[in-house]
Amino acid sequence: MPATARVAGRGEPYRGHEGLRTYLADVARVWQELRSEPVEVIEVEDVVVCTGRVYAWGVGRVIDAPAGWVWRLRNGKLVEGRVYENQREALAAAGLGEERGPS
């Protein structure tokens, strides 16, 4: 669940095409600015792990925090994307463990 979901009061992950539309509407509603800044991208077979930082402000909230994203592909198409609170969690979720260093 991305930070946007928590701020927007969502209890469930965004799913499918409609979920992506809902996510983008939530972003527009709760943030004046939302910026993801990737630092590293790792591709292993059908999994892409991206680590970096996320910056957001709006609705009396500010986020400046590490983040990790894991994207799973099937036949060249995105089938799942998850947001993690740091590099370590994202790497572990992708099965890459601690060998890449601390977040």
PDB file of N, CA and C in Angstrom:
ATOM      1  N   MET A   1       0.842  -1.183   0.000  1.00  0.00           N
ATOM      2  CA  MET A   1       0.000   0.000   0.000  1.00  0.00           C
ATOM      3  C   MET A   1       0.884   1.241   0.000  1.00  0.00           C
ATOM      4  N   PRO A   2       0.819   2.041  -1.007  1.00  0.00           N
ATOM      5  CA  PRO A   2       1.599   3.285  -1.014  1.00  0.00           C
ATOM      6  C   PRO A   2       1.104   4.249   0.058  1.00  0.00           C
ATOM      7  N   ALA A   3       1.959   5.192   0.414  1.00  0.00           N
ATOM      8  CA  ALA A   3       1.595   6.199   1.419  1.00  0.00           C
ATOM      9  C   ALA A   3       0.310   6.915   1.027  1.00  0.00           C
ATOM     10  N   THR A   4       0.098   7.119  -0.252  1.00  0.00           N
ATOM     11  CA  THR A   4      -1.121   7.779  -0.719  1.00  0.00           C
ATOM     12  C   THR A   4      -2.357   7.026  -0.240  1.00  0.00           C
ATOM     13  N   ALA A   5      -2.319   5.699  -0.264  1.00  0.00           N
ATOM     14  CA  ALA A   5      -3.468   4.907   0.172  1.00  0.00           C
ATOM     15  C   ALA A   5      -3.763   5.148   1.643  1.00  0.00           C
ATOM     16  N   ARG A   6      -2.722   5.213   2.459  1.00  0.00           N
ATOM     17  CA  ARG A   6      -2.927   5.459   3.887  1.00  0.00           C
ATOM     18  C   ARG A   6      -3.527   6.842   4.123  1.00  0.00           C
ATOM     19  N   VAL A   7      -2.971   7.853   3.459  1.00  0.00           N
ATOM     20  CA  VAL A   7      -3.462   9.226   3.630  1.00  0.00           C
ATOM     21  C   VAL A   7      -4.897   9.347   3.111  1.00  0.00           C
ATOM     22  N   ALA A   8      -5.208   8.644   2.030  1.00  0.00           N
ATOM     23  CA  ALA A   8      -6.548   8.700   1.438  1.00  0.00           C
ATOM     24  C   ALA A   8      -7.551   7.835   2.190  1.00  0.00           C
ATOM     25  N   GLY A   9      -7.074   7.073   3.181  1.00  0.00           N
ATOM     26  CA  GLY A   9      -7.968   6.238   3.969  1.00  0.00           C
ATOM     27  C   GLY A   9      -8.378   4.947   3.294  1.00  0.00           C
ATOM     28  N   ARG A  10      -7.573   4.470   2.385  1.00  0.00           N
ATOM     29  CA  ARG A  10      -7.881   3.219   1.686  1.00  0.00           C
ATOM     30  C   ARG A  10      -7.493   2.030   2.561  1.00  0.00           C
ATOM     31  N   GLY A  11      -8.350   1.025   2.599  1.00  0.00           N
ATOM     32  CA  GLY A  11      -8.052  -0.176   3.357  1.00  0.00           C
ATOM     33  C   GLY A  11      -7.588  -1.321   2.480  1.00  0.00           C
ATOM     34  N   GLU A  12      -7.750  -1.154   1.186  1.00  0.00           N
ATOM     35  CA  GLU A  12      -7.401  -2.208   0.237  1.00  0.00           C
ATOM     36  C   GLU A  12      -6.404  -1.678  -0.783  1.00  0.00           C
ATOM     37  N   PRO A  13      -5.573  -2.562  -1.338  1.00  0.00           N
ATOM     38  CA  PRO A  13      -4.651  -2.127  -2.399  1.00  0.00           C
ATOM     39  C   PRO A  13      -5.421  -1.681  -3.644  1.00  0.00           C
ATOM     40  N   TYR A  14      -4.761  -0.907  -4.457  1.00  0.00           N
ATOM     41  CA  TYR A  14      -5.321  -0.522  -5.762  1.00  0.00           C
ATOM     42  C   TYR A  14      -5.134  -1.718  -6.696  1.00  0.00           C
ATOM     43  N   ARG A  15      -6.197  -2.089  -7.412  1.00  0.00           N
ATOM     44  CA  ARG A  15      -6.110  -3.261  -8.292  1.00  0.00           C
ATOM     45  C   ARG A  15      -6.652  -2.952  -9.674  1.00  0.00           C
ATOM     46  N   GLY A  16      -5.925  -3.422 -10.661  1.00  0.00           N
ATOM     47  CA  GLY A  16      -6.389  -3.339 -12.033  1.00  0.00           C
ATOM     48  C   GLY A  16      -6.390  -1.930 -12.602  1.00  0.00           C
ATOM     49  N   HIS A  17      -6.977  -1.807 -13.776  1.00  0.00           N
ATOM     50  CA  HIS A  17      -7.045  -0.515 -14.464  1.00  0.00           C
ATOM     51  C   HIS A  17      -7.817   0.507 -13.642  1.00  0.00           C
ATOM     52  N   GLU A  18      -8.941   0.071 -13.077  1.00  0.00           N
ATOM     53  CA  GLU A  18      -9.743   0.987 -12.258  1.00  0.00           C
ATOM     54  C   GLU A  18      -8.964   1.402 -11.008  1.00  0.00           C
ATOM     55  N   GLY A  19      -8.207   0.474 -10.453  1.00  0.00           N
ATOM     56  CA  GLY A  19      -7.384   0.791  -9.287  1.00  0.00           C
ATOM     57  C   GLY A  19      -6.342   1.844  -9.596  1.00  0.00           C
ATOM     58  N   LEU A  20      -5.737   1.764 -10.778  1.00  0.00           N
ATOM     59  CA  LEU A  20      -4.757   2.769 -11.172  1.00  0.00           C
ATOM     60  C   LEU A  20      -5.424   4.129 -11.331  1.00  0.00           C
ATOM     61  N   ARG A  21      -6.614   4.161 -11.922  1.00  0.00           N
ATOM     62  CA  ARG A  21      -7.349   5.421 -12.041  1.00  0.00           C
ATOM     63  C   ARG A  21      -7.681   5.989 -10.655  1.00  0.00           C
ATOM     64  N   THR A  22      -8.082   5.121  -9.733  1.00  0.00           N
ATOM     65  CA  THR A  22      -8.395   5.558  -8.368  1.00  0.00           C
ATOM     66  C   THR A  22      -7.142   6.086  -7.678  1.00  0.00           C
ATOM     67  N   TYR A  23      -6.027   5.393  -7.853  1.00  0.00           N
ATOM     68  CA  TYR A  23      -4.762   5.845  -7.262  1.00  0.00           C
ATOM     69  C   TYR A  23      -4.405   7.247  -7.767  1.00  0.00           C
ATOM     70  N   LEU A  24      -4.485   7.455  -9.065  1.00  0.00           N
ATOM     71  CA  LEU A  24      -4.140   8.764  -9.627  1.00  0.00           C
ATOM     72  C   LEU A  24      -5.096   9.845  -9.125  1.00  0.00           C
ATOM     73  N   ALA A  25      -6.369   9.507  -8.962  1.00  0.00           N
ATOM     74  CA  ALA A  25      -7.331  10.473  -8.402  1.00  0.00           C
ATOM     75  C   ALA A  25      -6.990  10.778  -6.943  1.00  0.00           C
ATOM     76  N   ASP A  26      -6.602   9.754  -6.186  1.00  0.00           N
ATOM     77  CA  ASP A  26      -6.199   9.968  -4.791  1.00  0.00           C
ATOM     78  C   ASP A  26      -4.952  10.839  -4.711  1.00  0.00           C
ATOM     79  N   VAL A  27      -3.984  10.592  -5.582  1.00  0.00           N
ATOM     80  CA  VAL A  27      -2.769  11.426  -5.609  1.00  0.00           C
ATOM     81  C   VAL A  27      -3.149  12.882  -5.828  1.00  0.00           C
ATOM     82  N   ALA A  28      -4.002  13.143  -6.799  1.00  0.00           N
ATOM     83  CA  ALA A  28      -4.408  14.519  -7.105  1.00  0.00           C
ATOM     84  C   ALA A  28      -5.164  15.150  -5.935  1.00  0.00           C
ATOM     85  N   ARG A  29      -5.903  14.338  -5.194  1.00  0.00           N
ATOM     86  CA  ARG A  29      -6.709  14.848  -4.086  1.00  0.00           C
ATOM     87  C   ARG A  29      -5.883  15.132  -2.837  1.00  0.00           C
ATOM     88  N   VAL A  30      -4.895  14.288  -2.515  1.00  0.00           N
ATOM     89  CA  VAL A  30      -4.214  14.432  -1.223  1.00  0.00           C
ATOM     90  C   VAL A  30      -2.836  15.084  -1.289  1.00  0.00           C
ATOM     91  N   TRP A  31      -2.244  15.194  -2.466  1.00  0.00           N
ATOM     92  CA  TRP A  31      -0.898  15.777  -2.563  1.00  0.00           C
ATOM     93  C   TRP A  31      -0.890  16.987  -3.487  1.00  0.00           C
ATOM     94  N   GLN A  32      -0.179  18.002  -3.067  1.00  0.00           N
ATOM     95  CA  GLN A  32       0.123  19.125  -3.950  1.00  0.00           C
ATOM     96  C   GLN A  32       1.256  18.720  -4.894  1.00  0.00           C
ATOM     97  N   GLU A  33       2.172  17.912  -4.347  1.00  0.00           N
ATOM     98  CA  GLU A  33       3.289  17.409  -5.140  1.00  0.00           C
ATOM     99  C   GLU A  33       3.641  16.021  -4.639  1.00  0.00           C
ATOM    100  N   LEU A  34       3.895  15.107  -5.556  1.00  0.00           N
ATOM    101  CA  LEU A  34       4.370  13.763  -5.245  1.00  0.00           C
ATOM    102  C   LEU A  34       5.467  13.438  -6.242  1.00  0.00           C
ATOM    103  N   ARG A  35       6.635  13.139  -5.721  1.00  0.00           N
ATOM    104  CA  ARG A  35       7.779  12.881  -6.598  1.00  0.00           C
ATOM    105  C   ARG A  35       8.531  11.652  -6.099  1.00  0.00           C
ATOM    106  N   SER A  36       8.710  10.680  -6.964  1.00  0.00           N
ATOM    107  CA  SER A  36       9.537   9.513  -6.677  1.00  0.00           C
ATOM    108  C   SER A  36      10.876   9.718  -7.361  1.00  0.00           C
ATOM    109  N   GLU A  37      11.943   9.500  -6.612  1.00  0.00           N
ATOM    110  CA  GLU A  37      13.285   9.677  -7.175  1.00  0.00           C
ATOM    111  C   GLU A  37      14.056   8.371  -7.080  1.00  0.00           C
ATOM    112  N   PRO A  38      14.037   7.592  -8.160  1.00  0.00           N
ATOM    113  CA  PRO A  38      14.773   6.329  -8.152  1.00  0.00           C
ATOM    114  C   PRO A  38      16.282   6.565  -8.150  1.00  0.00           C
ATOM    115  N   VAL A  39      16.992   5.720  -7.430  1.00  0.00           N
ATOM    116  CA  VAL A  39      18.446   5.789  -7.362  1.00  0.00           C
ATOM    117  C   VAL A  39      19.064   4.562  -8.025  1.00  0.00           C
ATOM    118  N   GLU A  40      18.439   3.405  -7.805  1.00  0.00           N
ATOM    119  CA  GLU A  40      18.980   2.163  -8.339  1.00  0.00           C
ATOM    120  C   GLU A  40      17.851   1.317  -8.904  1.00  0.00           C
ATOM    121  N   VAL A  41      18.110   0.677 -10.038  1.00  0.00           N
ATOM    122  CA  VAL A  41      17.155  -0.243 -10.651  1.00  0.00           C
ATOM    123  C   VAL A  41      17.865  -1.568 -10.861  1.00  0.00           C
ATOM    124  N   ILE A  42      17.247  -2.647 -10.384  1.00  0.00           N
ATOM    125  CA  ILE A  42      17.807  -3.989 -10.513  1.00  0.00           C
ATOM    126  C   ILE A  42      16.781  -4.842 -11.237  1.00  0.00           C
ATOM    127  N   GLU A  43      17.201  -5.498 -12.312  1.00  0.00           N
ATOM    128  CA  GLU A  43      16.315  -6.388 -13.055  1.00  0.00           C
ATOM    129  C   GLU A  43      16.802  -7.818 -12.886  1.00  0.00           C
ATOM    130  N   VAL A  44      15.917  -8.700 -12.435  1.00  0.00           N
ATOM    131  CA  VAL A  44      16.223 -10.116 -12.299  1.00  0.00           C
ATOM    132  C   VAL A  44      15.049 -10.883 -12.883  1.00  0.00           C
ATOM    133  N   GLU A  45      15.271 -11.470 -14.045  1.00  0.00           N
ATOM    134  CA  GLU A  45      14.237 -12.203 -14.768  1.00  0.00           C
ATOM    135  C   GLU A  45      12.998 -11.333 -14.959  1.00  0.00           C
ATOM    136  N   ASP A  46      11.866 -11.711 -14.355  1.00  0.00           N
ATOM    137  CA  ASP A  46      10.623 -10.966 -14.561  1.00  0.00           C
ATOM    138  C   ASP A  46      10.306 -10.015 -13.408  1.00  0.00           C
ATOM    139  N   VAL A  47      11.335  -9.652 -12.630  1.00  0.00           N
ATOM    140  CA  VAL A  47      11.154  -8.760 -11.495  1.00  0.00           C
ATOM    141  C   VAL A  47      12.075  -7.552 -11.654  1.00  0.00           C
ATOM    142  N   VAL A  48      11.525  -6.364 -11.400  1.00  0.00           N
ATOM    143  CA  VAL A  48      12.310  -5.136 -11.406  1.00  0.00           C
ATOM    144  C   VAL A  48      12.172  -4.511 -10.022  1.00  0.00           C
ATOM    145  N   VAL A  49      13.324  -4.249  -9.401  1.00  0.00           N
ATOM    146  CA  VAL A  49      13.346  -3.588  -8.097  1.00  0.00           C
ATOM    147  C   VAL A  49      13.950  -2.210  -8.293  1.00  0.00           C
ATOM    148  N   CYS A  50      13.273  -1.225  -7.776  1.00  0.00           N
ATOM    149  CA  CYS A  50      13.751   0.151  -7.854  1.00  0.00           C
ATOM    150  C   CYS A  50      13.823   0.675  -6.424  1.00  0.00           C
ATOM    151  N   THR A  51      14.937   1.306  -6.082  1.00  0.00           N
ATOM    152  CA  THR A  51      15.062   1.896  -4.750  1.00  0.00           C
ATOM    153  C   THR A  51      15.435   3.358  -4.886  1.00  0.00           C
ATOM    154  N   GLY A  52      15.013   4.138  -3.907  1.00  0.00           N
ATOM    155  CA  GLY A  52      15.298   5.566  -3.937  1.00  0.00           C
ATOM    156  C   GLY A  52      14.557   6.270  -2.816  1.00  0.00           C
ATOM    157  N   ARG A  53      13.982   7.426  -3.136  1.00  0.00           N
ATOM    158  CA  ARG A  53      13.270   8.229  -2.146  1.00  0.00           C
ATOM    159  C   ARG A  53      11.948   8.705  -2.729  1.00  0.00           C
ATOM    160  N   VAL A  54      11.036   9.017  -1.834  1.00  0.00           N
ATOM    161  CA  VAL A  54       9.773   9.617  -2.231  1.00  0.00           C
ATOM    162  C   VAL A  54       9.598  10.921  -1.455  1.00  0.00           C
ATOM    163  N   TYR A  55       9.161  11.941  -2.179  1.00  0.00           N
ATOM    164  CA  TYR A  55       8.895  13.260  -1.599  1.00  0.00           C
ATOM    165  C   TYR A  55       7.450  13.617  -1.911  1.00  0.00           C
ATOM    166  N   ALA A  56       6.723  14.049  -0.893  1.00  0.00           N
ATOM    167  CA  ALA A  56       5.339  14.457  -1.116  1.00  0.00           C
ATOM    168  C   ALA A  56       4.964  15.503  -0.084  1.00  0.00           C
ATOM    169  N   TRP A  57       4.077  16.411  -0.502  1.00  0.00           N
ATOM    170  CA  TRP A  57       3.528  17.374   0.450  1.00  0.00           C
ATOM    171  C   TRP A  57       2.112  17.733   0.036  1.00  0.00           C
ATOM    172  N   GLY A  58       1.310  18.000   1.043  1.00  0.00           N
ATOM    173  CA  GLY A  58      -0.073  18.380   0.806  1.00  0.00           C
ATOM    174  C   GLY A  58      -0.941  17.957   1.971  1.00  0.00           C
ATOM    175  N   VAL A  59      -2.105  18.560   2.093  1.00  0.00           N
ATOM    176  CA  VAL A  59      -3.079  18.236   3.116  1.00  0.00           C
ATOM    177  C   VAL A  59      -2.417  18.181   4.503  1.00  0.00           C
ATOM    178  N   GLY A  60      -1.533  19.136   4.778  1.00  0.00           N
ATOM    179  CA  GLY A  60      -0.886  19.203   6.085  1.00  0.00           C
ATOM    180  C   GLY A  60       0.115  18.113   6.360  1.00  0.00           C
ATOM    181  N   ARG A  61       0.590  17.411   5.330  1.00  0.00           N
ATOM    182  CA  ARG A  61       1.541  16.318   5.496  1.00  0.00           C
ATOM    183  C   ARG A  61       2.742  16.534   4.597  1.00  0.00           C
ATOM    184  N   VAL A  62       3.882  16.061   5.087  1.00  0.00           N
ATOM    185  CA  VAL A  62       5.101  16.071   4.280  1.00  0.00           C
ATOM    186  C   VAL A  62       5.760  14.713   4.421  1.00  0.00           C
ATOM    187  N   ILE A  63       6.180  14.151   3.312  1.00  0.00           N
ATOM    188  CA  ILE A  63       6.926  12.895   3.324  1.00  0.00           C
ATOM    189  C   ILE A  63       8.254  13.140   2.613  1.00  0.00           C
ATOM    190  N   ASP A  64       9.310  12.733   3.233  1.00  0.00           N
ATOM    191  CA  ASP A  64      10.648  12.710   2.648  1.00  0.00           C
ATOM    192  C   ASP A  64      11.282  11.452   3.209  1.00  0.00           C
ATOM    193  N   ALA A  65      11.183  10.355   2.477  1.00  0.00           N
ATOM    194  CA  ALA A  65      11.553   9.063   3.050  1.00  0.00           C
ATOM    195  C   ALA A  65      12.140   8.131   1.999  1.00  0.00           C
ATOM    196  N   PRO A  66      12.924   7.155   2.458  1.00  0.00           N
ATOM    197  CA  PRO A  66      13.387   6.123   1.534  1.00  0.00           C
ATOM    198  C   PRO A  66      12.192   5.305   1.066  1.00  0.00           C
ATOM    199  N   ALA A  67      12.348   4.689  -0.080  1.00  0.00           N
ATOM    200  CA  ALA A  67      11.272   3.849  -0.608  1.00  0.00           C
ATOM    201  C   ALA A  67      11.864   2.786  -1.514  1.00  0.00           C
ATOM    202  N   GLY A  68      11.092   1.756  -1.713  1.00  0.00           N
ATOM    203  CA  GLY A  68      11.455   0.706  -2.661  1.00  0.00           C
ATOM    204  C   GLY A  68      10.206   0.282  -3.400  1.00  0.00           C
ATOM    205  N   TRP A  69      10.372  -0.096  -4.633  1.00  0.00           N
ATOM    206  CA  TRP A  69       9.257  -0.537  -5.467  1.00  0.00           C
ATOM    207  C   TRP A  69       9.641  -1.857  -6.107  1.00  0.00           C
ATOM    208  N   VAL A  70       8.730  -2.796  -6.123  1.00  0.00           N
ATOM    209  CA  VAL A  70       8.963  -4.075  -6.792  1.00  0.00           C
ATOM    210  C   VAL A  70       7.880  -4.239  -7.839  1.00  0.00           C
ATOM    211  N   TRP A  71       8.314  -4.450  -9.076  1.00  0.00           N
ATOM    212  CA  TRP A  71       7.402  -4.619 -10.208  1.00  0.00           C
ATOM    213  C   TRP A  71       7.587  -6.028 -10.756  1.00  0.00           C
ATOM    214  N   ARG A  72       6.500  -6.743 -10.924  1.00  0.00           N
ATOM    215  CA  ARG A  72       6.552  -8.099 -11.487  1.00  0.00           C
ATOM    216  C   ARG A  72       5.889  -8.063 -12.867  1.00  0.00           C
ATOM    217  N   LEU A  73       6.574  -8.696 -13.808  1.00  0.00           N
ATOM    218  CA  LEU A  73       6.110  -8.707 -15.193  1.00  0.00           C
ATOM    219  C   LEU A  73       5.773 -10.132 -15.620  1.00  0.00           C
ATOM    220  N   ARG A  74       4.861 -10.247 -16.567  1.00  0.00           N
ATOM    221  CA  ARG A  74       4.550 -11.525 -17.186  1.00  0.00           C
ATOM    222  C   ARG A  74       4.336 -11.250 -18.663  1.00  0.00           C
ATOM    223  N   ASN A  75       5.106 -11.922 -19.483  1.00  0.00           N
ATOM    224  CA  ASN A  75       5.032 -11.719 -20.940  1.00  0.00           C
ATOM    225  C   ASN A  75       5.204 -10.252 -21.308  1.00  0.00           C
ATOM    226  N   GLY A  76       6.101  -9.579 -20.598  1.00  0.00           N
ATOM    227  CA  GLY A  76       6.402  -8.186 -20.899  1.00  0.00           C
ATOM    228  C   GLY A  76       5.380  -7.178 -20.401  1.00  0.00           C
ATOM    229  N   LYS A  77       4.376  -7.640 -19.632  1.00  0.00           N
ATOM    230  CA  LYS A  77       3.347  -6.738 -19.121  1.00  0.00           C
ATOM    231  C   LYS A  77       3.385  -6.708 -17.600  1.00  0.00           C
ATOM    232  N   LEU A  78       3.139  -5.535 -17.045  1.00  0.00           N
ATOM    233  CA  LEU A  78       3.114  -5.363 -15.603  1.00  0.00           C
ATOM    234  C   LEU A  78       1.904  -6.080 -15.020  1.00  0.00           C
ATOM    235  N   VAL A  79       2.149  -6.974 -14.043  1.00  0.00           N
ATOM    236  CA  VAL A  79       1.046  -7.677 -13.393  1.00  0.00           C
ATOM    237  C   VAL A  79       0.945  -7.335 -11.910  1.00  0.00           C
ATOM    238  N   GLU A  80       2.007  -6.776 -11.331  1.00  0.00           N
ATOM    239  CA  GLU A  80       1.956  -6.399  -9.922  1.00  0.00           C
ATOM    240  C   GLU A  80       3.018  -5.357  -9.629  1.00  0.00           C
ATOM    241  N   GLY A  81       2.655  -4.391  -8.834  1.00  0.00           N
ATOM    242  CA  GLY A  81       3.606  -3.397  -8.343  1.00  0.00           C
ATOM    243  C   GLY A  81       3.333  -3.157  -6.875  1.00  0.00           C
ATOM    244  N   ARG A  82       4.385  -3.151  -6.082  1.00  0.00           N
ATOM    245  CA  ARG A  82       4.237  -2.913  -4.638  1.00  0.00           C
ATOM    246  C   ARG A  82       5.238  -1.877  -4.183  1.00  0.00           C
ATOM    247  N   VAL A  83       4.820  -1.116  -3.198  1.00  0.00           N
ATOM    248  CA  VAL A  83       5.653  -0.062  -2.611  1.00  0.00           C
ATOM    249  C   VAL A  83       6.113  -0.540  -1.243  1.00  0.00           C
ATOM    250  N   TYR A  84       7.392  -0.305  -0.952  1.00  0.00           N
ATOM    251  CA  TYR A  84       7.961  -0.686   0.347  1.00  0.00           C
ATOM    252  C   TYR A  84       8.576   0.534   1.007  1.00  0.00           C
ATOM    253  N   GLU A  85       8.680   0.483   2.329  1.00  0.00           N
ATOM    254  CA  GLU A  85       9.150   1.640   3.089  1.00  0.00           C
ATOM    255  C   GLU A  85      10.653   1.858   3.019  1.00  0.00           C
ATOM    256  N   ASN A  86      11.398   0.879   2.497  1.00  0.00           N
ATOM    257  CA  ASN A  86      12.841   1.069   2.372  1.00  0.00           C
ATOM    258  C   ASN A  86      13.430   0.048   1.405  1.00  0.00           C
ATOM    259  N   GLN A  87      14.700   0.243   1.112  1.00  0.00           N
ATOM    260  CA  GLN A  87      15.414  -0.613   0.171  1.00  0.00           C
ATOM    261  C   GLN A  87      15.447  -2.056   0.661  1.00  0.00           C
ATOM    262  N   ARG A  88      15.717  -2.248   1.930  1.00  0.00           N
ATOM    263  CA  ARG A  88      15.844  -3.606   2.483  1.00  0.00           C
ATOM    264  C   ARG A  88      14.565  -4.408   2.265  1.00  0.00           C
ATOM    265  N   GLU A  89      13.413  -3.808   2.565  1.00  0.00           N
ATOM    266  CA  GLU A  89      12.145  -4.512   2.396  1.00  0.00           C
ATOM    267  C   GLU A  89      11.892  -4.866   0.927  1.00  0.00           C
ATOM    268  N   ALA A  90      12.176  -3.947   0.031  1.00  0.00           N
ATOM    269  CA  ALA A  90      11.960  -4.197  -1.400  1.00  0.00           C
ATOM    270  C   ALA A  90      12.864  -5.321  -1.894  1.00  0.00           C
ATOM    271  N   LEU A  91      14.125  -5.279  -1.513  1.00  0.00           N
ATOM    272  CA  LEU A  91      15.067  -6.329  -1.935  1.00  0.00           C
ATOM    273  C   LEU A  91      14.653  -7.686  -1.376  1.00  0.00           C
ATOM    274  N   ALA A  92      14.243  -7.718  -0.120  1.00  0.00           N
ATOM    275  CA  ALA A  92      13.806  -8.978   0.486  1.00  0.00           C
ATOM    276  C   ALA A  92      12.567  -9.516  -0.224  1.00  0.00           C
ATOM    277  N   ALA A  93      11.624  -8.642  -0.557  1.00  0.00           N
ATOM    278  CA  ALA A  93      10.397  -9.064  -1.244  1.00  0.00           C
ATOM    279  C   ALA A  93      10.700  -9.648  -2.616  1.00  0.00           C
ATOM    280  N   ALA A  94      11.768  -9.160  -3.234  1.00  0.00           N
ATOM    281  CA  ALA A  94      12.158  -9.661  -4.563  1.00  0.00           C
ATOM    282  C   ALA A  94      13.076 -10.872  -4.460  1.00  0.00           C
ATOM    283  N   GLY A  95      13.385 -11.294  -3.228  1.00  0.00           N
ATOM    284  CA  GLY A  95      14.255 -12.446  -3.037  1.00  0.00           C
ATOM    285  C   GLY A  95      15.728 -12.141  -3.196  1.00  0.00           C
ATOM    286  N   LEU A  96      16.101 -10.855  -3.085  1.00  0.00           N
ATOM    287  CA  LEU A  96      17.503 -10.467  -3.269  1.00  0.00           C
ATOM    288  C   LEU A  96      18.230 -10.315  -1.929  1.00  0.00           C
ATOM    289  N   GLY A  97      17.506 -10.319  -0.830  1.00  0.00           N
ATOM    290  CA  GLY A  97      18.114 -10.318   0.495  1.00  0.00           C
ATOM    291  C   GLY A  97      19.026  -9.156   0.792  1.00  0.00           C
ATOM    292  N   GLU A  98      19.918  -9.365   1.734  1.00  0.00           N
ATOM    293  CA  GLU A  98      20.773  -8.330   2.280  1.00  0.00           C
ATOM    294  C   GLU A  98      22.079  -8.123   1.512  1.00  0.00           C
ATOM    295  N   GLU A  99      22.351  -8.939   0.520  1.00  0.00           N
ATOM    296  CA  GLU A  99      23.661  -8.864  -0.124  1.00  0.00           C
ATOM    297  C   GLU A  99      23.958  -7.533  -0.799  1.00  0.00           C
ATOM    298  N   ARG A 100      22.947  -6.701  -1.003  1.00  0.00           N
ATOM    299  CA  ARG A 100      23.142  -5.422  -1.678  1.00  0.00           C
ATOM    300  C   ARG A 100      23.455  -4.300  -0.710  1.00  0.00           C
ATOM    301  N   GLY A 101      23.418  -4.570   0.607  1.00  0.00           N
ATOM    302  CA  GLY A 101      23.775  -3.550   1.579  1.00  0.00           C
ATOM    303  C   GLY A 101      22.564  -2.964   2.278  1.00  0.00           C
ATOM    304  N   PRO A 102      22.815  -2.138   3.322  1.00  0.00           N
ATOM    305  CA  PRO A 102      21.720  -1.554   4.106  1.00  0.00           C
ATOM    306  C   PRO A 102      21.034  -0.424   3.355  1.00  0.00           C
ATOM    307  N   SER A 103      19.803  -0.130   3.782  1.00  0.00           N
ATOM    308  CA  SER A 103      19.079   0.996   3.162  1.00  0.00           C
ATOM    309  C   SER A 103      19.288   2.263   3.940  1.00  0.00           C
TER     310      SER A 103
END
